Amino acid sequence: MVSAVLRMMGNVSVSTLTRPKEILKETKKTIYSKPPRNKISAAQSFFVMSVFTVAMLTPAAWILHHLPEYRQRARQRPKT
């Protein structure tokens, strides 16, 4: 499988596949040292975090709330 991929790539040397110095230079170009344009207030941050928390915990709460019903359904069905 690997040999097939290398054959499709043609005459590409291993040194051209990994260039850590060039990758490092490119990542340095995308780092900005300026402050953000719009500051986020504490209220906005709290609202976003609370919405995220509710979105993550609602499915787990639903399952835990309905767990007794799921257990009863499993007991009622005959096992084959």
PDB file of N, CA and C in Angstrom:
ATOM      1  N   MET A   1       0.831  -1.185   0.000  1.00  0.00           N
ATOM      2  CA  MET A   1       0.000   0.000   0.000  1.00  0.00           C
ATOM      3  C   MET A   1       0.878   1.253   0.000  1.00  0.00           C
ATOM      4  N   VAL A   2       1.886   1.257   0.866  1.00  0.00           N
ATOM      5  CA  VAL A   2       2.771   2.421   0.945  1.00  0.00           C
ATOM      6  C   VAL A   2       3.570   2.562  -0.337  1.00  0.00           C
ATOM      7  N   SER A   3       3.994   1.434  -0.884  1.00  0.00           N
ATOM      8  CA  SER A   3       4.768   1.513  -2.120  1.00  0.00           C
ATOM      9  C   SER A   3       3.916   2.059  -3.268  1.00  0.00           C
ATOM     10  N   ALA A   4       2.624   1.726  -3.278  1.00  0.00           N
ATOM     11  CA  ALA A   4       1.748   2.259  -4.318  1.00  0.00           C
ATOM     12  C   ALA A   4       1.612   3.772  -4.198  1.00  0.00           C
ATOM     13  N   VAL A   5       1.516   4.260  -2.980  1.00  0.00           N
ATOM     14  CA  VAL A   5       1.407   5.701  -2.769  1.00  0.00           C
ATOM     15  C   VAL A   5       2.690   6.390  -3.209  1.00  0.00           C
ATOM     16  N   LEU A   6       3.830   5.795  -2.859  1.00  0.00           N
ATOM     17  CA  LEU A   6       5.106   6.386  -3.259  1.00  0.00           C
ATOM     18  C   LEU A   6       5.282   6.373  -4.770  1.00  0.00           C
ATOM     19  N   ARG A   7       4.798   5.310  -5.439  1.00  0.00           N
ATOM     20  CA  ARG A   7       4.895   5.272  -6.898  1.00  0.00           C
ATOM     21  C   ARG A   7       4.041   6.355  -7.529  1.00  0.00           C
ATOM     22  N   MET A   8       2.851   6.618  -6.954  1.00  0.00           N
ATOM     23  CA  MET A   8       1.974   7.647  -7.506  1.00  0.00           C
ATOM     24  C   MET A   8       2.580   9.038  -7.316  1.00  0.00           C
ATOM     25  N   MET A   9       3.363   9.220  -6.256  1.00  0.00           N
ATOM     26  CA  MET A   9       3.962  10.516  -5.997  1.00  0.00           C
ATOM     27  C   MET A   9       5.094  10.824  -6.961  1.00  0.00           C
ATOM     28  N   GLY A  10       5.670   9.821  -7.544  1.00  0.00           N
ATOM     29  CA  GLY A  10       6.730  10.047  -8.517  1.00  0.00           C
ATOM     30  C   GLY A  10       8.074  10.198  -7.849  1.00  0.00           C
ATOM     31  N   ASN A  11       8.917  11.060  -8.387  1.00  0.00           N
ATOM     32  CA  ASN A  11      10.273  11.250  -7.885  1.00  0.00           C
ATOM     33  C   ASN A  11      10.308  12.351  -6.825  1.00  0.00           C
ATOM     34  N   VAL A  12       9.648  12.139  -5.734  1.00  0.00           N
ATOM     35  CA  VAL A  12       9.650  13.097  -4.634  1.00  0.00           C
ATOM     36  C   VAL A  12      10.577  12.549  -3.564  1.00  0.00           C
ATOM     37  N   SER A  13      11.545  13.315  -3.185  1.00  0.00           N
ATOM     38  CA  SER A  13      12.478  12.835  -2.170  1.00  0.00           C
ATOM     39  C   SER A  13      11.882  13.009  -0.785  1.00  0.00           C
ATOM     40  N   VAL A  14      12.448  12.304   0.161  1.00  0.00           N
ATOM     41  CA  VAL A  14      11.941  12.348   1.527  1.00  0.00           C
ATOM     42  C   VAL A  14      12.162  13.717   2.140  1.00  0.00           C
ATOM     43  N   SER A  15      13.223  14.399   1.749  1.00  0.00           N
ATOM     44  CA  SER A  15      13.503  15.713   2.332  1.00  0.00           C
ATOM     45  C   SER A  15      12.449  16.742   1.938  1.00  0.00           C
ATOM     46  N   THR A  16      11.790  16.573   0.796  1.00  0.00           N
ATOM     47  CA  THR A  16      10.761  17.522   0.410  1.00  0.00           C
ATOM     48  C   THR A  16       9.433  17.229   1.083  1.00  0.00           C
ATOM     49  N   LEU A  17       9.280  16.019   1.620  1.00  0.00           N
ATOM     50  CA  LEU A  17       8.017  15.696   2.283  1.00  0.00           C
ATOM     51  C   LEU A  17       7.919  16.361   3.648  1.00  0.00           C
ATOM     52  N   THR A  18       9.020  16.455   4.347  1.00  0.00           N
ATOM     53  CA  THR A  18       9.002  17.081   5.669  1.00  0.00           C
ATOM     54  C   THR A  18       9.967  18.254   5.674  1.00  0.00           C
ATOM     55  N   ARG A  19       9.414  19.412   5.881  1.00  0.00           N
ATOM     56  CA  ARG A  19      10.228  20.630   5.940  1.00  0.00           C
ATOM     57  C   ARG A  19       9.879  21.368   7.230  1.00  0.00           C
ATOM     58  N   PRO A  20      10.453  20.981   8.345  1.00  0.00           N
ATOM     59  CA  PRO A  20      10.058  21.615   9.608  1.00  0.00           C
ATOM     60  C   PRO A  20      10.402  23.093   9.685  1.00  0.00           C
ATOM     61  N   LYS A  21      11.496  23.526   9.052  1.00  0.00           N
ATOM     62  CA  LYS A  21      11.859  24.937   9.135  1.00  0.00           C
ATOM     63  C   LYS A  21      10.860  25.807   8.396  1.00  0.00           C
ATOM     64  N   GLU A  22      10.403  25.346   7.233  1.00  0.00           N
ATOM     65  CA  GLU A  22       9.437  26.133   6.470  1.00  0.00           C
ATOM     66  C   GLU A  22       8.078  26.140   7.161  1.00  0.00           C
ATOM     67  N   ILE A  23       7.708  25.040   7.767  1.00  0.00           N
ATOM     68  CA  ILE A  23       6.445  24.991   8.486  1.00  0.00           C
ATOM     69  C   ILE A  23       6.486  25.948   9.665  1.00  0.00           C
ATOM     70  N   LEU A  24       7.611  25.977  10.367  1.00  0.00           N
ATOM     71  CA  LEU A  24       7.754  26.882  11.491  1.00  0.00           C
ATOM     72  C   LEU A  24       7.677  28.337  11.041  1.00  0.00           C
ATOM     73  N   LYS A  25       8.270  28.658   9.905  1.00  0.00           N
ATOM     74  CA  LYS A  25       8.206  30.021   9.390  1.00  0.00           C
ATOM     75  C   LYS A  25       6.774  30.402   9.041  1.00  0.00           C
ATOM     76  N   GLU A  26       6.022  29.471   8.462  1.00  0.00           N
ATOM     77  CA  GLU A  26       4.642  29.770   8.093  1.00  0.00           C
ATOM     78  C   GLU A  26       3.779  29.981   9.324  1.00  0.00           C
ATOM     79  N   THR A  27       3.999  29.221  10.381  1.00  0.00           N
ATOM     80  CA  THR A  27       3.187  29.410  11.577  1.00  0.00           C
ATOM     81  C   THR A  27       3.526  30.717  12.276  1.00  0.00           C
ATOM     82  N   LYS A  28       4.757  31.159  12.180  1.00  0.00           N
ATOM     83  CA  LYS A  28       5.107  32.438  12.775  1.00  0.00           C
ATOM     84  C   LYS A  28       4.431  33.584  12.042  1.00  0.00           C
ATOM     85  N   LYS A  29       4.159  33.417  10.769  1.00  0.00           N
ATOM     86  CA  LYS A  29       3.511  34.472   9.992  1.00  0.00           C
ATOM     87  C   LYS A  29       2.061  34.675  10.423  1.00  0.00           C
ATOM     88  N   THR A  30       1.412  33.654  10.935  1.00  0.00           N
ATOM     89  CA  THR A  30       0.008  33.764  11.284  1.00  0.00           C
ATOM     90  C   THR A  30      -0.222  34.223  12.712  1.00  0.00           C
ATOM     91  N   ILE A  31       0.817  34.440  13.503  1.00  0.00           N
ATOM     92  CA  ILE A  31       0.658  34.894  14.872  1.00  0.00           C
ATOM     93  C   ILE A  31       0.605  36.416  14.879  1.00  0.00           C
ATOM     94  N   TYR A  32      -0.455  36.956  15.487  1.00  0.00           N
ATOM     95  CA  TYR A  32      -0.623  38.402  15.546  1.00  0.00           C
ATOM     96  C   TYR A  32      -0.379  38.880  16.969  1.00  0.00           C
ATOM     97  N   SER A  33       0.243  40.020  17.104  1.00  0.00           N
ATOM     98  CA  SER A  33       0.540  40.552  18.429  1.00  0.00           C
ATOM     99  C   SER A  33      -0.347  41.729  18.790  1.00  0.00           C
ATOM    100  N   LYS A  34      -1.344  41.985  17.980  1.00  0.00           N
ATOM    101  CA  LYS A  34      -2.230  43.112  18.248  1.00  0.00           C
ATOM    102  C   LYS A  34      -3.351  42.681  19.193  1.00  0.00           C
ATOM    103  N   PRO A  35      -3.922  43.613  19.940  1.00  0.00           N
ATOM    104  CA  PRO A  35      -5.075  43.266  20.778  1.00  0.00           C
ATOM    105  C   PRO A  35      -6.301  43.018  19.903  1.00  0.00           C
ATOM    106  N   PRO A  36      -7.304  42.320  20.401  1.00  0.00           N
ATOM    107  CA  PRO A  36      -8.492  42.041  19.588  1.00  0.00           C
ATOM    108  C   PRO A  36      -9.266  43.316  19.263  1.00  0.00           C
ATOM    109  N   ARG A  37      -9.945  43.288  18.145  1.00  0.00           N
ATOM    110  CA  ARG A  37     -10.730  44.464  17.729  1.00  0.00           C
ATOM    111  C   ARG A  37     -11.901  44.709  18.668  1.00  0.00           C
ATOM    112  N   ASN A  38     -12.629  43.620  18.995  1.00  0.00           N
ATOM    113  CA  ASN A  38     -13.809  43.732  19.856  1.00  0.00           C
ATOM    114  C   ASN A  38     -13.529  43.005  21.165  1.00  0.00           C
ATOM    115  N   LYS A  39     -13.664  43.709  22.252  1.00  0.00           N
ATOM    116  CA  LYS A  39     -13.473  43.078  23.556  1.00  0.00           C
ATOM    117  C   LYS A  39     -14.758  42.373  23.954  1.00  0.00           C
ATOM    118  N   ILE A  40     -14.599  41.205  24.577  1.00  0.00           N
ATOM    119  CA  ILE A  40     -15.745  40.425  25.033  1.00  0.00           C
ATOM    120  C   ILE A  40     -15.949  40.718  26.506  1.00  0.00           C
ATOM    121  N   SER A  41     -17.162  41.110  26.844  1.00  0.00           N
ATOM    122  CA  SER A  41     -17.436  41.453  28.240  1.00  0.00           C
ATOM    123  C   SER A  41     -17.619  40.182  29.072  1.00  0.00           C
ATOM    124  N   ALA A  42     -17.624  40.346  30.368  1.00  0.00           N
ATOM    125  CA  ALA A  42     -17.807  39.211  31.272  1.00  0.00           C
ATOM    126  C   ALA A  42     -19.198  38.601  31.102  1.00  0.00           C
ATOM    127  N   ALA A  43     -20.198  39.446  30.862  1.00  0.00           N
ATOM    128  CA  ALA A  43     -21.561  38.937  30.684  1.00  0.00           C
ATOM    129  C   ALA A  43     -21.666  38.092  29.412  1.00  0.00           C
ATOM    130  N   GLN A  44     -21.044  38.554  28.328  1.00  0.00           N
ATOM    131  CA  GLN A  44     -21.069  37.775  27.093  1.00  0.00           C
ATOM    132  C   GLN A  44     -20.336  36.455  27.270  1.00  0.00           C
ATOM    133  N   SER A  45     -19.220  36.496  27.956  1.00  0.00           N
ATOM    134  CA  SER A  45     -18.461  35.273  28.200  1.00  0.00           C
ATOM    135  C   SER A  45     -19.268  34.306  29.051  1.00  0.00           C
ATOM    136  N   PHE A  46     -19.907  34.793  30.095  1.00  0.00           N
ATOM    137  CA  PHE A  46     -20.733  33.937  30.944  1.00  0.00           C
ATOM    138  C   PHE A  46     -21.889  33.339  30.156  1.00  0.00           C
ATOM    139  N   PHE A  47     -22.526  34.132  29.299  1.00  0.00           N
ATOM    140  CA  PHE A  47     -23.645  33.634  28.507  1.00  0.00           C
ATOM    141  C   PHE A  47     -23.197  32.524  27.559  1.00  0.00           C
ATOM    142  N   VAL A  48     -22.090  32.722  26.882  1.00  0.00           N
ATOM    143  CA  VAL A  48     -21.598  31.712  25.935  1.00  0.00           C
ATOM    144  C   VAL A  48     -21.221  30.434  26.663  1.00  0.00           C
ATOM    145  N   MET A  49     -20.544  30.553  27.784  1.00  0.00           N
ATOM    146  CA  MET A  49     -20.151  29.363  28.545  1.00  0.00           C
ATOM    147  C   MET A  49     -21.360  28.628  29.101  1.00  0.00           C
ATOM    148  N   SER A  50     -22.392  29.352  29.522  1.00  0.00           N
ATOM    149  CA  SER A  50     -23.580  28.689  30.049  1.00  0.00           C
ATOM    150  C   SER A  50     -24.350  27.985  28.927  1.00  0.00           C
ATOM    151  N   VAL A  51     -24.431  28.584  27.759  1.00  0.00           N
ATOM    152  CA  VAL A  51     -25.088  27.924  26.628  1.00  0.00           C
ATOM    153  C   VAL A  51     -24.324  26.662  26.237  1.00  0.00           C
ATOM    154  N   PHE A  52     -23.012  26.758  26.219  1.00  0.00           N
ATOM    155  CA  PHE A  52     -22.186  25.595  25.893  1.00  0.00           C
ATOM    156  C   PHE A  52     -22.384  24.488  26.931  1.00  0.00           C
ATOM    157  N   THR A  53     -22.429  24.838  28.200  1.00  0.00           N
ATOM    158  CA  THR A  53     -22.623  23.853  29.260  1.00  0.00           C
ATOM    159  C   THR A  53     -23.982  23.181  29.136  1.00  0.00           C
ATOM    160  N   VAL A  54     -25.009  23.958  28.889  1.00  0.00           N
ATOM    161  CA  VAL A  54     -26.349  23.378  28.734  1.00  0.00           C
ATOM    162  C   VAL A  54     -26.390  22.459  27.520  1.00  0.00           C
ATOM    163  N   ALA A  55     -25.767  22.863  26.439  1.00  0.00           N
ATOM    164  CA  ALA A  55     -25.765  22.036  25.231  1.00  0.00           C
ATOM    165  C   ALA A  55     -25.037  20.718  25.452  1.00  0.00           C
ATOM    166  N   MET A  56     -24.006  20.725  26.278  1.00  0.00           N
ATOM    167  CA  MET A  56     -23.245  19.503  26.527  1.00  0.00           C
ATOM    168  C   MET A  56     -23.936  18.602  27.547  1.00  0.00           C
ATOM    169  N   LEU A  57     -24.606  19.172  28.541  1.00  0.00           N
ATOM    170  CA  LEU A  57     -25.169  18.367  29.624  1.00  0.00           C
ATOM    171  C   LEU A  57     -26.619  17.944  29.403  1.00  0.00           C
ATOM    172  N   THR A  58     -27.335  18.577  28.495  1.00  0.00           N
ATOM    173  CA  THR A  58     -28.741  18.236  28.277  1.00  0.00           C
ATOM    174  C   THR A  58     -28.933  16.796  27.815  1.00  0.00           C
ATOM    175  N   PRO A  59     -28.184  16.272  26.841  1.00  0.00           N
ATOM    176  CA  PRO A  59     -28.393  14.871  26.455  1.00  0.00           C
ATOM    177  C   PRO A  59     -28.107  13.889  27.590  1.00  0.00           C
ATOM    178  N   ALA A  60     -27.073  14.140  28.380  1.00  0.00           N
ATOM    179  CA  ALA A  60     -26.770  13.253  29.502  1.00  0.00           C
ATOM    180  C   ALA A  60     -27.874  13.320  30.551  1.00  0.00           C
ATOM    181  N   ALA A  61     -28.391  14.501  30.826  1.00  0.00           N
ATOM    182  CA  ALA A  61     -29.481  14.646  31.795  1.00  0.00           C
ATOM    183  C   ALA A  61     -30.744  13.941  31.302  1.00  0.00           C
ATOM    184  N   TRP A  62     -31.018  14.034  30.013  1.00  0.00           N
ATOM    185  CA  TRP A  62     -32.185  13.361  29.439  1.00  0.00           C
ATOM    186  C   TRP A  62     -32.083  11.846  29.622  1.00  0.00           C
ATOM    187  N   ILE A  63     -30.937  11.301  29.324  1.00  0.00           N
ATOM    188  CA  ILE A  63     -30.748   9.858  29.447  1.00  0.00           C
ATOM    189  C   ILE A  63     -30.857   9.433  30.899  1.00  0.00           C
ATOM    190  N   LEU A  64     -30.214  10.162  31.809  1.00  0.00           N
ATOM    191  CA  LEU A  64     -30.289   9.792  33.219  1.00  0.00           C
ATOM    192  C   LEU A  64     -31.705   9.930  33.767  1.00  0.00           C
ATOM    193  N   HIS A  65     -32.455  10.910  33.301  1.00  0.00           N
ATOM    194  CA  HIS A  65     -33.832  11.083  33.759  1.00  0.00           C
ATOM    195  C   HIS A  65     -34.725   9.937  33.286  1.00  0.00           C
ATOM    196  N   HIS A  66     -34.523   9.444  32.079  1.00  0.00           N
ATOM    197  CA  HIS A  66     -35.361   8.400  31.516  1.00  0.00           C
ATOM    198  C   HIS A  66     -34.786   7.000  31.702  1.00  0.00           C
ATOM    199  N   LEU A  67     -33.747   6.842  32.485  1.00  0.00           N
ATOM    200  CA  LEU A  67     -33.113   5.544  32.694  1.00  0.00           C
ATOM    201  C   LEU A  67     -34.065   4.496  33.268  1.00  0.00           C
ATOM    202  N   PRO A  68     -34.913   4.817  34.241  1.00  0.00           N
ATOM    203  CA  PRO A  68     -35.866   3.800  34.728  1.00  0.00           C
ATOM    204  C   PRO A  68     -36.817   3.302  33.632  1.00  0.00           C
ATOM    205  N   GLU A  69     -37.245   4.190  32.749  1.00  0.00           N
ATOM    206  CA  GLU A  69     -38.119   3.772  31.650  1.00  0.00           C
ATOM    207  C   GLU A  69     -37.388   2.827  30.704  1.00  0.00           C
ATOM    208  N   TYR A  70     -36.122   3.119  30.414  1.00  0.00           N
ATOM    209  CA  TYR A  70     -35.343   2.250  29.543  1.00  0.00           C
ATOM    210  C   TYR A  70     -35.165   0.872  30.168  1.00  0.00           C
ATOM    211  N   ARG A  71     -34.972   0.815  31.489  1.00  0.00           N
ATOM    212  CA  ARG A  71     -34.829  -0.473  32.174  1.00  0.00           C
ATOM    213  C   ARG A  71     -36.114  -1.276  32.113  1.00  0.00           C
ATOM    214  N   GLN A  72     -37.260  -0.616  32.270  1.00  0.00           N
ATOM    215  CA  GLN A  72     -38.544  -1.328  32.202  1.00  0.00           C
ATOM    216  C   GLN A  72     -38.785  -1.877  30.804  1.00  0.00           C
ATOM    217  N   ARG A  73     -38.447  -1.135  29.779  1.00  0.00           N
ATOM    218  CA  ARG A  73     -38.616  -1.618  28.409  1.00  0.00           C
ATOM    219  C   ARG A  73     -37.750  -2.846  28.149  1.00  0.00           C
ATOM    220  N   ALA A  74     -36.568  -2.856  28.697  1.00  0.00           N
ATOM    221  CA  ALA A  74     -35.673  -3.998  28.488  1.00  0.00           C
ATOM    222  C   ALA A  74     -36.185  -5.234  29.183  1.00  0.00           C
ATOM    223  N   ARG A  75     -36.837  -5.094  30.328  1.00  0.00           N
ATOM    224  CA  ARG A  75     -37.380  -6.251  31.047  1.00  0.00           C
ATOM    225  C   ARG A  75     -38.637  -6.785  30.374  1.00  0.00           C
ATOM    226  N   GLN A  76     -39.442  -5.945  29.742  1.00  0.00           N
ATOM    227  CA  GLN A  76     -40.696  -6.370  29.134  1.00  0.00           C
ATOM    228  C   GLN A  76     -40.469  -7.172  27.860  1.00  0.00           C
ATOM    229  N   ARG A  77     -39.434  -6.925  27.144  1.00  0.00           N
ATOM    230  CA  ARG A  77     -39.191  -7.628  25.892  1.00  0.00           C
ATOM    231  C   ARG A  77     -38.676  -9.039  26.176  1.00  0.00           C
ATOM    232  N   PRO A  78     -39.244 -10.026  25.504  1.00  0.00           N
ATOM    233  CA  PRO A  78     -38.727 -11.389  25.701  1.00  0.00           C
ATOM    234  C   PRO A  78     -37.380 -11.541  24.995  1.00  0.00           C
ATOM    235  N   LYS A  79     -36.458 -12.187  25.675  1.00  0.00           N
ATOM    236  CA  LYS A  79     -35.137 -12.424  25.094  1.00  0.00           C
ATOM    237  C   LYS A  79     -35.170 -13.681  24.260  1.00  0.00           C
ATOM    238  N   THR A  80     -34.644 -13.597  23.058  1.00  0.00           N
ATOM    239  CA  THR A  80     -34.625 -14.775  22.189  1.00  0.00           C
ATOM    240  C   THR A  80     -33.254 -15.320  22.020  1.00  0.00           C
TER     241      THR A  80
END
